[in-house]
Amino acid sequence: MKPVRPEPLPVSRAEWVRNEIDRFILARLEKEGLEPQVEADRPTLARRLSLDLTGLPPAWSDVERFENALSPDTYGQLLERLLP
């Protein structure tokens, strides 16, 4: 059977959605009567990414670079640095 792309789910806070996965997550949160959390600050994101991928806290230089970067792909660049 050929895969079929599901229809986008209706959500009340469309401005929160960045991609279709977000839409599915938000639809479920709304169904459960829950609100999405605000996005973590950059140092917290850098720490979470490092701990998840390496099991170690990030180097302070990585946190500073991530926090001060202006590129829209900063998260992806940090991800690439942390992956073996």
C-alpha atoms as a PDB file:
ATOM      1  CA  MET A   1       0.000   0.000   0.000  1.00  0.00           C
ATOM      2  CA  LYS A   2       1.326   3.416  -0.998  1.00  0.00           C
ATOM      3  CA  PRO A   3       1.935   5.871   1.876  1.00  0.00           C
ATOM      4  CA  VAL A   4      -0.520   8.738   2.009  1.00  0.00           C
ATOM      5  CA  ARG A   5       0.343  12.161   3.406  1.00  0.00           C
ATOM      6  CA  PRO A   6      -2.201  12.996   6.124  1.00  0.00           C
ATOM      7  CA  GLU A   7      -4.146  16.222   5.993  1.00  0.00           C
ATOM      8  CA  PRO A   8      -2.768  18.965   8.255  1.00  0.00           C
ATOM      9  CA  LEU A   9      -4.574  18.956  11.581  1.00  0.00           C
ATOM     10  CA  PRO A  10      -6.445  22.090  12.595  1.00  0.00           C
ATOM     11  CA  VAL A  11      -4.871  23.987  15.494  1.00  0.00           C
ATOM     12  CA  SER A  12      -5.823  27.201  17.241  1.00  0.00           C
ATOM     13  CA  ARG A  13      -2.269  28.577  17.651  1.00  0.00           C
ATOM     14  CA  ALA A  14      -0.922  28.291  14.106  1.00  0.00           C
ATOM     15  CA  GLU A  15       1.802  30.880  14.855  1.00  0.00           C
ATOM     16  CA  TRP A  16       3.464  28.296  17.147  1.00  0.00           C
ATOM     17  CA  VAL A  17       3.812  25.786  14.297  1.00  0.00           C
ATOM     18  CA  ARG A  18       7.157  25.749  12.457  1.00  0.00           C
ATOM     19  CA  ASN A  19       6.686  22.472  10.578  1.00  0.00           C
ATOM     20  CA  GLU A  20       4.157  19.673  10.175  1.00  0.00           C
ATOM     21  CA  ILE A  21       5.531  17.701  13.138  1.00  0.00           C
ATOM     22  CA  ASP A  22       4.875  20.751  15.332  1.00  0.00           C
ATOM     23  CA  ARG A  23       1.301  20.792  14.023  1.00  0.00           C
ATOM     24  CA  PHE A  24       0.726  17.186  15.142  1.00  0.00           C
ATOM     25  CA  ILE A  25       2.284  17.894  18.543  1.00  0.00           C
ATOM     26  CA  LEU A  26       0.228  21.048  19.046  1.00  0.00           C
ATOM     27  CA  ALA A  27      -2.985  19.305  17.991  1.00  0.00           C
ATOM     28  CA  ARG A  28      -2.384  16.626  20.637  1.00  0.00           C
ATOM     29  CA  LEU A  29      -1.532  19.195  23.311  1.00  0.00           C
ATOM     30  CA  GLU A  30      -4.716  21.101  22.514  1.00  0.00           C
ATOM     31  CA  LYS A  31      -6.730  17.878  22.608  1.00  0.00           C
ATOM     32  CA  GLU A  32      -5.368  17.194  26.107  1.00  0.00           C
ATOM     33  CA  GLY A  33      -6.016  20.782  27.206  1.00  0.00           C
ATOM     34  CA  LEU A  34      -2.301  21.553  27.526  1.00  0.00           C
ATOM     35  CA  GLU A  35      -0.230  24.529  26.396  1.00  0.00           C
ATOM     36  CA  PRO A  36       3.173  24.282  24.700  1.00  0.00           C
ATOM     37  CA  GLN A  37       6.110  25.547  26.722  1.00  0.00           C
ATOM     38  CA  VAL A  38       8.086  28.572  25.624  1.00  0.00           C
ATOM     39  CA  GLU A  39      11.302  27.821  23.759  1.00  0.00           C
ATOM     40  CA  ALA A  40      14.356  27.440  25.967  1.00  0.00           C
ATOM     41  CA  ASP A  41      17.050  30.098  25.855  1.00  0.00           C
ATOM     42  CA  ARG A  42      20.167  29.462  23.748  1.00  0.00           C
ATOM     43  CA  PRO A  43      22.504  28.354  26.568  1.00  0.00           C
ATOM     44  CA  THR A  44      19.894  25.814  27.695  1.00  0.00           C
ATOM     45  CA  LEU A  45      19.442  24.523  24.135  1.00  0.00           C
ATOM     46  CA  ALA A  46      23.216  24.136  23.733  1.00  0.00           C
ATOM     47  CA  ARG A  47      23.432  22.253  27.033  1.00  0.00           C
ATOM     48  CA  ARG A  48      20.536  19.930  26.165  1.00  0.00           C
ATOM     49  CA  LEU A  49      21.938  19.162  22.725  1.00  0.00           C
ATOM     50  CA  SER A  50      25.395  18.417  24.099  1.00  0.00           C
ATOM     51  CA  LEU A  51      24.097  16.234  26.934  1.00  0.00           C
ATOM     52  CA  ASP A  52      21.778  14.324  24.573  1.00  0.00           C
ATOM     53  CA  LEU A  53      24.448  13.647  21.951  1.00  0.00           C
ATOM     54  CA  THR A  54      27.619  13.247  23.987  1.00  0.00           C
ATOM     55  CA  GLY A  55      26.505  12.676  27.564  1.00  0.00           C
ATOM     56  CA  LEU A  56      28.724  15.592  28.593  1.00  0.00           C
ATOM     57  CA  PRO A  57      28.007  19.260  29.206  1.00  0.00           C
ATOM     58  CA  PRO A  58      29.102  21.582  26.394  1.00  0.00           C
ATOM     59  CA  ALA A  59      32.372  23.455  26.364  1.00  0.00           C
ATOM     60  CA  TRP A  60      31.861  27.045  27.450  1.00  0.00           C
ATOM     61  CA  SER A  61      33.221  28.183  24.080  1.00  0.00           C
ATOM     62  CA  ASP A  62      30.459  26.220  22.300  1.00  0.00           C
ATOM     63  CA  VAL A  63      27.799  27.823  24.496  1.00  0.00           C
ATOM     64  CA  GLU A  64      29.169  31.322  23.845  1.00  0.00           C
ATOM     65  CA  ARG A  65      29.474  30.703  20.094  1.00  0.00           C
ATOM     66  CA  PHE A  66      25.912  29.358  19.952  1.00  0.00           C
ATOM     67  CA  GLU A  67      24.516  32.192  22.067  1.00  0.00           C
ATOM     68  CA  ASN A  68      26.151  34.947  20.006  1.00  0.00           C
ATOM     69  CA  ALA A  69      25.730  33.501  16.511  1.00  0.00           C
ATOM     70  CA  LEU A  70      23.445  35.273  14.073  1.00  0.00           C
ATOM     71  CA  SER A  71      23.079  32.517  11.480  1.00  0.00           C
ATOM     72  CA  PRO A  72      19.627  30.918  11.227  1.00  0.00           C
ATOM     73  CA  ASP A  73      21.376  27.537  11.037  1.00  0.00           C
ATOM     74  CA  THR A  74      23.308  27.922  14.293  1.00  0.00           C
ATOM     75  CA  TYR A  75      21.541  24.953  15.892  1.00  0.00           C
ATOM     76  CA  GLY A  76      22.408  22.748  12.904  1.00  0.00           C
ATOM     77  CA  GLN A  77      26.026  23.878  13.029  1.00  0.00           C
ATOM     78  CA  LEU A  78      26.295  22.984  16.718  1.00  0.00           C
ATOM     79  CA  LEU A  79      24.668  19.646  15.952  1.00  0.00           C
ATOM     80  CA  GLU A  80      27.270  18.945  13.261  1.00  0.00           C
ATOM     81  CA  ARG A  81      30.132  19.816  15.639  1.00  0.00           C
ATOM     82  CA  LEU A  82      28.818  17.464  18.312  1.00  0.00           C
ATOM     83  CA  LEU A  83      28.116  14.470  16.076  1.00  0.00           C
ATOM     84  CA  PRO A  84      31.063  12.110  15.530  1.00  0.00           C
END
